[in-house]
Amino acid sequence: QADISQWVALFAVTDINLATNKVKESGGTVFTPPT
């Protein structure tokens, strides 16, 4: 029921598992794992 609207940009990576691990290691947050 959340009232939301948002544009989301998609960044190209060559190894999504490595990139998501870098996000976590660098202090970011992974909300959904590679899908």
PDB file of all heavy atoms in Angstrom:
ATOM      1  N   GLN A   1       0.827  -1.208   0.000  1.00  0.00           N
ATOM      2  CA  GLN A   1       0.000   0.000   0.000  1.00  0.00           C
ATOM      3  C   GLN A   1       0.861   1.259   0.000  1.00  0.00           C
ATOM      4  O   GLN A   1       0.341   2.368   0.067  1.00  0.00           O
ATOM      5  CB  GLN A   1      -0.909   0.003   1.233  1.00  0.00           C
ATOM      6  CG  GLN A   1      -1.884  -1.175   1.276  1.00  0.00           C
ATOM      7  CD  GLN A   1      -2.793  -1.207   0.060  1.00  0.00           C
ATOM      8  OE1 GLN A   1      -3.385  -0.200  -0.327  1.00  0.00           O
ATOM      9  NE2 GLN A   1      -2.913  -2.381  -0.557  1.00  0.00           N
ATOM     10  N   ALA A   2       2.168   1.100  -0.074  1.00  0.00           N
ATOM     11  CA  ALA A   2       3.066   2.260  -0.041  1.00  0.00           C
ATOM     12  C   ALA A   2       2.815   3.167  -1.235  1.00  0.00           C
ATOM     13  O   ALA A   2       2.632   2.709  -2.358  1.00  0.00           O
ATOM     14  CB  ALA A   2       4.516   1.793  -0.035  1.00  0.00           C
ATOM     15  N   ASP A   3       2.795   4.471  -0.980  1.00  0.00           N
ATOM     16  CA  ASP A   3       2.596   5.469  -2.039  1.00  0.00           C
ATOM     17  C   ASP A   3       3.975   5.940  -2.489  1.00  0.00           C
ATOM     18  O   ASP A   3       4.581   6.808  -1.873  1.00  0.00           O
ATOM     19  CB  ASP A   3       1.779   6.639  -1.499  1.00  0.00           C
ATOM     20  CG  ASP A   3       1.590   7.733  -2.540  1.00  0.00           C
ATOM     21  OD1 ASP A   3       1.780   7.437  -3.729  1.00  0.00           O
ATOM     22  OD2 ASP A   3       1.271   8.878  -2.162  1.00  0.00           O
ATOM     23  N   ILE A   4       4.473   5.330  -3.566  1.00  0.00           N
ATOM     24  CA  ILE A   4       5.842   5.635  -3.986  1.00  0.00           C
ATOM     25  C   ILE A   4       5.912   5.891  -5.477  1.00  0.00           C
ATOM     26  O   ILE A   4       5.074   5.480  -6.250  1.00  0.00           O
ATOM     27  CB  ILE A   4       6.826   4.494  -3.628  1.00  0.00           C
ATOM     28  CG1 ILE A   4       6.504   3.229  -4.430  1.00  0.00           C
ATOM     29  CG2 ILE A   4       6.785   4.159  -2.150  1.00  0.00           C
ATOM     30  CD1 ILE A   4       7.256   3.049  -5.678  1.00  0.00           C
ATOM     31  N   SER A   5       6.917   6.593  -5.894  1.00  0.00           N
ATOM     32  CA  SER A   5       7.247   6.734  -7.306  1.00  0.00           C
ATOM     33  C   SER A   5       8.703   7.149  -7.388  1.00  0.00           C
ATOM     34  O   SER A   5       9.134   8.031  -6.626  1.00  0.00           O
ATOM     35  CB  SER A   5       6.356   7.789  -7.969  1.00  0.00           C
ATOM     36  OG  SER A   5       6.513   7.779  -9.361  1.00  0.00           O
ATOM     37  N   GLN A   6       9.449   6.528  -8.311  1.00  0.00           N
ATOM     38  CA  GLN A   6      10.902   6.762  -8.312  1.00  0.00           C
ATOM     39  C   GLN A   6      11.510   6.267  -9.612  1.00  0.00           C
ATOM     40  O   GLN A   6      11.127   5.220 -10.131  1.00  0.00           O
ATOM     41  CB  GLN A   6      11.538   5.980  -7.140  1.00  0.00           C
ATOM     42  CG  GLN A   6      13.035   6.031  -7.051  1.00  0.00           C
ATOM     43  CD  GLN A   6      13.514   7.178  -6.176  1.00  0.00           C
ATOM     44  OE1 GLN A   6      12.713   7.907  -5.622  1.00  0.00           O
ATOM     45  NE2 GLN A   6      14.793   7.312  -6.033  1.00  0.00           N
ATOM     46  N   TRP A   7      12.440   7.038 -10.165  1.00  0.00           N
ATOM     47  CA  TRP A   7      13.283   6.548 -11.241  1.00  0.00           C
ATOM     48  C   TRP A   7      14.499   5.849 -10.636  1.00  0.00           C
ATOM     49  O   TRP A   7      15.071   6.340  -9.655  1.00  0.00           O
ATOM     50  CB  TRP A   7      13.761   7.704 -12.119  1.00  0.00           C
ATOM     51  CG  TRP A   7      12.732   8.203 -13.088  1.00  0.00           C
ATOM     52  CD1 TRP A   7      11.934   9.304 -12.950  1.00  0.00           C
ATOM     53  CD2 TRP A   7      12.409   7.631 -14.359  1.00  0.00           C
ATOM     54  NE1 TRP A   7      11.135   9.453 -14.052  1.00  0.00           N
ATOM     55  CE2 TRP A   7      11.400   8.450 -14.942  1.00  0.00           C
ATOM     56  CE3 TRP A   7      12.879   6.526 -15.067  1.00  0.00           C
ATOM     57  CZ2 TRP A   7      10.856   8.176 -16.189  1.00  0.00           C
ATOM     58  CZ3 TRP A   7      12.330   6.254 -16.314  1.00  0.00           C
ATOM     59  CH2 TRP A   7      11.326   7.069 -16.865  1.00  0.00           C
ATOM     60  N   VAL A   8      14.899   4.726 -11.213  1.00  0.00           N
ATOM     61  CA  VAL A   8      16.054   3.969 -10.744  1.00  0.00           C
ATOM     62  C   VAL A   8      17.001   3.741 -11.914  1.00  0.00           C
ATOM     63  O   VAL A   8      16.593   3.229 -12.960  1.00  0.00           O
ATOM     64  CB  VAL A   8      15.634   2.614 -10.135  1.00  0.00           C
ATOM     65  CG1 VAL A   8      16.865   1.856  -9.634  1.00  0.00           C
ATOM     66  CG2 VAL A   8      14.642   2.823  -8.993  1.00  0.00           C
ATOM     67  N   ALA A   9      18.276   4.113 -11.743  1.00  0.00           N
ATOM     68  CA  ALA A   9      19.290   3.941 -12.784  1.00  0.00           C
ATOM     69  C   ALA A   9      19.974   2.587 -12.621  1.00  0.00           C
ATOM     70  O   ALA A   9      20.279   2.160 -11.499  1.00  0.00           O
ATOM     71  CB  ALA A   9      20.325   5.059 -12.714  1.00  0.00           C
ATOM     72  N   LEU A  10      20.239   1.916 -13.748  1.00  0.00           N
ATOM     73  CA  LEU A  10      20.913   0.623 -13.751  1.00  0.00           C
ATOM     74  C   LEU A  10      22.333   0.786 -14.295  1.00  0.00           C
ATOM     75  O   LEU A  10      22.524   1.242 -15.422  1.00  0.00           O
ATOM     76  CB  LEU A  10      20.143  -0.383 -14.614  1.00  0.00           C
ATOM     77  CG  LEU A  10      18.971  -1.126 -13.947  1.00  0.00           C
ATOM     78  CD1 LEU A  10      17.873  -0.151 -13.515  1.00  0.00           C
ATOM     79  CD2 LEU A  10      18.387  -2.183 -14.895  1.00  0.00           C
ATOM     80  N   PHE A  11      23.307   0.377 -13.490  1.00  0.00           N
ATOM     81  CA  PHE A  11      24.728   0.486 -13.814  1.00  0.00           C
ATOM     82  C   PHE A  11      25.243  -0.861 -14.317  1.00  0.00           C
ATOM     83  O   PHE A  11      25.044  -1.891 -13.669  1.00  0.00           O
ATOM     84  CB  PHE A  11      25.530   0.870 -12.569  1.00  0.00           C
ATOM     85  CG  PHE A  11      25.337   2.278 -12.086  1.00  0.00           C
ATOM     86  CD1 PHE A  11      24.091   2.715 -11.627  1.00  0.00           C
ATOM     87  CD2 PHE A  11      26.393   3.179 -12.067  1.00  0.00           C
ATOM     88  CE1 PHE A  11      23.910   4.006 -11.167  1.00  0.00           C
ATOM     89  CE2 PHE A  11      26.218   4.480 -11.606  1.00  0.00           C
ATOM     90  CZ  PHE A  11      24.975   4.894 -11.164  1.00  0.00           C
ATOM     91  N   ALA A  12      25.913  -0.852 -15.446  1.00  0.00           N
ATOM     92  CA  ALA A  12      26.461  -2.083 -16.003  1.00  0.00           C
ATOM     93  C   ALA A  12      27.675  -2.554 -15.200  1.00  0.00           C
ATOM     94  O   ALA A  12      28.542  -1.755 -14.841  1.00  0.00           O
ATOM     95  CB  ALA A  12      26.871  -1.866 -17.455  1.00  0.00           C
ATOM     96  N   VAL A  13      27.719  -3.855 -14.938  1.00  0.00           N
ATOM     97  CA  VAL A  13      28.887  -4.483 -14.317  1.00  0.00           C
ATOM     98  C   VAL A  13      29.174  -5.780 -15.066  1.00  0.00           C
ATOM     99  O   VAL A  13      28.287  -6.362 -15.694  1.00  0.00           O
ATOM    100  CB  VAL A  13      28.663  -4.776 -12.816  1.00  0.00           C
ATOM    101  CG1 VAL A  13      28.524  -3.485 -12.024  1.00  0.00           C
ATOM    102  CG2 VAL A  13      27.438  -5.674 -12.596  1.00  0.00           C
ATOM    103  N   THR A  14      30.407  -6.237 -15.000  1.00  0.00           N
ATOM    104  CA  THR A  14      30.769  -7.480 -15.690  1.00  0.00           C
ATOM    105  C   THR A  14      30.657  -8.702 -14.789  1.00  0.00           C
ATOM    106  O   THR A  14      30.538  -9.824 -15.283  1.00  0.00           O
ATOM    107  CB  THR A  14      32.204  -7.394 -16.233  1.00  0.00           C
ATOM    108  OG1 THR A  14      33.084  -7.039 -15.165  1.00  0.00           O
ATOM    109  CG2 THR A  14      32.297  -6.346 -17.333  1.00  0.00           C
ATOM    110  N   ASP A  15      30.695  -8.494 -13.481  1.00  0.00           N
ATOM    111  CA  ASP A  15      30.580  -9.595 -12.515  1.00  0.00           C
ATOM    112  C   ASP A  15      29.694  -9.095 -11.381  1.00  0.00           C
ATOM    113  O   ASP A  15      30.158  -8.407 -10.481  1.00  0.00           O
ATOM    114  CB  ASP A  15      31.953 -10.003 -11.999  1.00  0.00           C
ATOM    115  CG  ASP A  15      31.910 -11.246 -11.114  1.00  0.00           C
ATOM    116  OD1 ASP A  15      30.871 -11.468 -10.462  1.00  0.00           O
ATOM    117  OD2 ASP A  15      32.924 -11.969 -11.057  1.00  0.00           O
ATOM    118  N   ILE A  16      28.419  -9.431 -11.442  1.00  0.00           N
ATOM    119  CA  ILE A  16      27.476  -8.863 -10.481  1.00  0.00           C
ATOM    120  C   ILE A  16      27.699  -9.388  -9.067  1.00  0.00           C
ATOM    121  O   ILE A  16      27.461  -8.673  -8.088  1.00  0.00           O
ATOM    122  CB  ILE A  16      26.017  -9.106 -10.942  1.00  0.00           C
ATOM    123  CG1 ILE A  16      25.071  -8.156 -10.176  1.00  0.00           C
ATOM    124  CG2 ILE A  16      25.622 -10.560 -10.809  1.00  0.00           C
ATOM    125  CD1 ILE A  16      23.699  -8.065 -10.785  1.00  0.00           C
ATOM    126  N   ASN A  17      28.167 -10.598  -8.932  1.00  0.00           N
ATOM    127  CA  ASN A  17      28.455 -11.111  -7.594  1.00  0.00           C
ATOM    128  C   ASN A  17      29.620 -10.352  -6.964  1.00  0.00           C
ATOM    129  O   ASN A  17      29.564  -9.979  -5.780  1.00  0.00           O
ATOM    130  CB  ASN A  17      28.757 -12.611  -7.656  1.00  0.00           C
ATOM    131  CG  ASN A  17      27.543 -13.426  -8.017  1.00  0.00           C
ATOM    132  OD1 ASN A  17      26.505 -13.347  -7.363  1.00  0.00           O
ATOM    133  ND2 ASN A  17      27.655 -14.218  -9.079  1.00  0.00           N
ATOM    134  N   LEU A  18      30.661 -10.111  -7.751  1.00  0.00           N
ATOM    135  CA  LEU A  18      31.790  -9.340  -7.249  1.00  0.00           C
ATOM    136  C   LEU A  18      31.348  -7.918  -6.909  1.00  0.00           C
ATOM    137  O   LEU A  18      31.729  -7.370  -5.869  1.00  0.00           O
ATOM    138  CB  LEU A  18      32.899  -9.301  -8.302  1.00  0.00           C
ATOM    139  CG  LEU A  18      34.140  -8.477  -7.954  1.00  0.00           C
ATOM    140  CD1 LEU A  18      34.829  -9.037  -6.716  1.00  0.00           C
ATOM    141  CD2 LEU A  18      35.111  -8.450  -9.143  1.00  0.00           C
ATOM    142  N   ALA A  19      30.526  -7.322  -7.768  1.00  0.00           N
ATOM    143  CA  ALA A  19      30.087  -5.946  -7.536  1.00  0.00           C
ATOM    144  C   ALA A  19      29.235  -5.822  -6.277  1.00  0.00           C
ATOM    145  O   ALA A  19      29.397  -4.873  -5.500  1.00  0.00           O
ATOM    146  CB  ALA A  19      29.320  -5.432  -8.750  1.00  0.00           C
ATOM    147  N   THR A  20      28.326  -6.763  -6.059  1.00  0.00           N
ATOM    148  CA  THR A  20      27.494  -6.685  -4.854  1.00  0.00           C
ATOM    149  C   THR A  20      28.339  -6.901  -3.599  1.00  0.00           C
ATOM    150  O   THR A  20      28.086  -6.271  -2.561  1.00  0.00           O
ATOM    151  CB  THR A  20      26.348  -7.706  -4.904  1.00  0.00           C
ATOM    152  OG1 THR A  20      26.874  -9.009  -5.199  1.00  0.00           O
ATOM    153  CG2 THR A  20      25.333  -7.329  -5.959  1.00  0.00           C
ATOM    154  N   ASN A  21      29.335  -7.759  -3.697  1.00  0.00           N
ATOM    155  CA  ASN A  21      30.235  -7.928  -2.553  1.00  0.00           C
ATOM    156  C   ASN A  21      31.000  -6.638  -2.271  1.00  0.00           C
ATOM    157  O   ASN A  21      31.207  -6.255  -1.109  1.00  0.00           O
ATOM    158  CB  ASN A  21      31.215  -9.076  -2.807  1.00  0.00           C
ATOM    159  CG  ASN A  21      30.556 -10.433  -2.717  1.00  0.00           C
ATOM    160  OD1 ASN A  21      29.529 -10.594  -2.047  1.00  0.00           O
ATOM    161  ND2 ASN A  21      31.121 -11.420  -3.386  1.00  0.00           N
ATOM    162  N   LYS A  22      31.410  -5.944  -3.331  1.00  0.00           N
ATOM    163  CA  LYS A  22      32.098  -4.665  -3.153  1.00  0.00           C
ATOM    164  C   LYS A  22      31.187  -3.640  -2.485  1.00  0.00           C
ATOM    165  O   LYS A  22      31.627  -2.824  -1.676  1.00  0.00           O
ATOM    166  CB  LYS A  22      32.586  -4.141  -4.503  1.00  0.00           C
ATOM    167  CG  LYS A  22      33.789  -4.865  -5.078  1.00  0.00           C
ATOM    168  CD  LYS A  22      35.052  -4.530  -4.297  1.00  0.00           C
ATOM    169  CE  LYS A  22      36.278  -5.118  -4.963  1.00  0.00           C
ATOM    170  NZ  LYS A  22      37.529  -4.787  -4.210  1.00  0.00           N
ATOM    171  N   VAL A  23      29.905  -3.655  -2.868  1.00  0.00           N
ATOM    172  CA  VAL A  23      28.943  -2.738  -2.244  1.00  0.00           C
ATOM    173  C   VAL A  23      28.918  -2.965  -0.743  1.00  0.00           C
ATOM    174  O   VAL A  23      29.003  -2.005   0.055  1.00  0.00           O
ATOM    175  CB  VAL A  23      27.537  -2.927  -2.848  1.00  0.00           C
ATOM    176  CG1 VAL A  23      26.493  -2.186  -2.009  1.00  0.00           C
ATOM    177  CG2 VAL A  23      27.505  -2.438  -4.289  1.00  0.00           C
ATOM    178  N   LYS A  24      28.801  -4.220  -0.328  1.00  0.00           N
ATOM    179  CA  LYS A  24      28.751  -4.535   1.106  1.00  0.00           C
ATOM    180  C   LYS A  24      30.062  -4.183   1.803  1.00  0.00           C
ATOM    181  O   LYS A  24      30.062  -3.588   2.883  1.00  0.00           O
ATOM    182  CB  LYS A  24      28.419  -6.020   1.303  1.00  0.00           C
ATOM    183  CG  LYS A  24      26.990  -6.371   0.940  1.00  0.00           C
ATOM    184  CD  LYS A  24      26.652  -7.809   1.257  1.00  0.00           C
ATOM    185  CE  LYS A  24      27.294  -8.764   0.287  1.00  0.00           C
ATOM    186  NZ  LYS A  24      26.817 -10.171   0.478  1.00  0.00           N
ATOM    187  N   GLU A  25      31.178  -4.560   1.174  1.00  0.00           N
ATOM    188  CA  GLU A  25      32.486  -4.295   1.785  1.00  0.00           C
ATOM    189  C   GLU A  25      32.758  -2.794   1.946  1.00  0.00           C
ATOM    190  O   GLU A  25      33.473  -2.384   2.869  1.00  0.00           O
ATOM    191  CB  GLU A  25      33.597  -4.918   0.932  1.00  0.00           C
ATOM    192  CG  GLU A  25      33.586  -6.433   0.909  1.00  0.00           C
ATOM    193  CD  GLU A  25      34.526  -6.993  -0.144  1.00  0.00           C
ATOM    194  OE1 GLU A  25      35.220  -6.173  -0.804  1.00  0.00           O
ATOM    195  OE2 GLU A  25      34.583  -8.221  -0.308  1.00  0.00           O
ATOM    196  N   SER A  26      32.186  -1.988   1.058  1.00  0.00           N
ATOM    197  CA  SER A  26      32.439  -0.545   1.064  1.00  0.00           C
ATOM    198  C   SER A  26      31.433   0.229   1.906  1.00  0.00           C
ATOM    199  O   SER A  26      31.459   1.458   1.921  1.00  0.00           O
ATOM    200  CB  SER A  26      32.427  -0.002  -0.367  1.00  0.00           C
ATOM    201  OG  SER A  26      33.413  -0.651  -1.151  1.00  0.00           O
ATOM    202  N   GLY A  27      30.544  -0.475   2.584  1.00  0.00           N
ATOM    203  CA  GLY A  27      29.593   0.199   3.467  1.00  0.00           C
ATOM    204  C   GLY A  27      28.238   0.454   2.866  1.00  0.00           C
ATOM    205  O   GLY A  27      27.390   1.097   3.489  1.00  0.00           O
ATOM    206  N   GLY A  28      27.996  -0.037   1.641  1.00  0.00           N
ATOM    207  CA  GLY A  28      26.684   0.109   1.039  1.00  0.00           C
ATOM    208  C   GLY A  28      25.758  -1.008   1.492  1.00  0.00           C
ATOM    209  O   GLY A  28      26.089  -1.819   2.355  1.00  0.00           O
ATOM    210  N   THR A  29      24.579  -1.062   0.890  1.00  0.00           N
ATOM    211  CA  THR A  29      23.566  -2.045   1.264  1.00  0.00           C
ATOM    212  C   THR A  29      23.087  -2.786   0.032  1.00  0.00           C
ATOM    213  O   THR A  29      22.811  -2.167  -0.999  1.00  0.00           O
ATOM    214  CB  THR A  29      22.358  -1.363   1.935  1.00  0.00           C
ATOM    215  OG1 THR A  29      22.810  -0.587   3.040  1.00  0.00           O
ATOM    216  CG2 THR A  29      21.349  -2.388   2.427  1.00  0.00           C
ATOM    217  N   VAL A  30      22.992  -4.097   0.134  1.00  0.00           N
ATOM    218  CA  VAL A  30      22.427  -4.920  -0.926  1.00  0.00           C
ATOM    219  C   VAL A  30      21.015  -5.301  -0.495  1.00  0.00           C
ATOM    220  O   VAL A  30      20.832  -6.073   0.436  1.00  0.00           O
ATOM    221  CB  VAL A  30      23.280  -6.173  -1.188  1.00  0.00           C
ATOM    222  CG1 VAL A  30      22.617  -7.056  -2.252  1.00  0.00           C
ATOM    223  CG2 VAL A  30      24.681  -5.789  -1.629  1.00  0.00           C
ATOM    224  N   PHE A  31      20.012  -4.743  -1.165  1.00  0.00           N
ATOM    225  CA  PHE A  31      18.623  -5.009  -0.803  1.00  0.00           C
ATOM    226  C   PHE A  31      18.095  -6.264  -1.470  1.00  0.00           C
ATOM    227  O   PHE A  31      17.257  -6.959  -0.908  1.00  0.00           O
ATOM    228  CB  PHE A  31      17.744  -3.811  -1.173  1.00  0.00           C
ATOM    229  CG  PHE A  31      18.001  -2.611  -0.314  1.00  0.00           C
ATOM    230  CD1 PHE A  31      18.801  -1.587  -0.763  1.00  0.00           C
ATOM    231  CD2 PHE A  31      17.455  -2.521   0.961  1.00  0.00           C
ATOM    232  CE1 PHE A  31      19.051  -0.478   0.024  1.00  0.00           C
ATOM    233  CE2 PHE A  31      17.708  -1.420   1.755  1.00  0.00           C
ATOM    234  CZ  PHE A  31      18.512  -0.388   1.298  1.00  0.00           C
ATOM    235  N   THR A  32      18.543  -6.545  -2.677  1.00  0.00           N
ATOM    236  CA  THR A  32      18.193  -7.803  -3.335  1.00  0.00           C
ATOM    237  C   THR A  32      19.463  -8.391  -3.919  1.00  0.00           C
ATOM    238  O   THR A  32      20.224  -7.696  -4.593  1.00  0.00           O
ATOM    239  CB  THR A  32      17.163  -7.606  -4.460  1.00  0.00           C
ATOM    240  OG1 THR A  32      17.690  -6.728  -5.452  1.00  0.00           O
ATOM    241  CG2 THR A  32      15.882  -7.008  -3.918  1.00  0.00           C
ATOM    242  N   PRO A  33      19.724  -9.652  -3.682  1.00  0.00           N
ATOM    243  CA  PRO A  33      20.919 -10.282  -4.255  1.00  0.00           C
ATOM    244  C   PRO A  33      20.742 -10.426  -5.756  1.00  0.00           C
ATOM    245  O   PRO A  33      19.646 -10.229  -6.299  1.00  0.00           O
ATOM    246  CB  PRO A  33      20.941 -11.647  -3.555  1.00  0.00           C
ATOM    247  CG  PRO A  33      19.504 -11.935  -3.247  1.00  0.00           C
ATOM    248  CD  PRO A  33      18.898 -10.603  -2.913  1.00  0.00           C
ATOM    249  N   PRO A  34      21.812 -10.770  -6.467  1.00  0.00           N
ATOM    250  CA  PRO A  34      21.698 -10.952  -7.917  1.00  0.00           C
ATOM    251  C   PRO A  34      20.561 -11.899  -8.290  1.00  0.00           C
ATOM    252  O   PRO A  34      20.468 -13.015  -7.771  1.00  0.00           O
ATOM    253  CB  PRO A  34      23.064 -11.524  -8.296  1.00  0.00           C
ATOM    254  CG  PRO A  34      23.992 -10.946  -7.267  1.00  0.00           C
ATOM    255  CD  PRO A  34      23.194 -10.938  -5.995  1.00  0.00           C
ATOM    256  N   THR A  35      19.685 -11.428  -9.167  1.00  0.00           N
ATOM    257  CA  THR A  35      18.475 -12.152  -9.554  1.00  0.00           C
ATOM    258  C   THR A  35      18.341 -12.150 -11.066  1.00  0.00           C
ATOM    259  O   THR A  35      18.523 -11.120 -11.707  1.00  0.00           O
ATOM    260  CB  THR A  35      17.227 -11.475  -8.930  1.00  0.00           C
ATOM    261  OG1 THR A  35      17.381 -11.423  -7.510  1.00  0.00           O
ATOM    262  CG2 THR A  35      15.958 -12.229  -9.274  1.00  0.00           C
TER     263      THR A  35
END
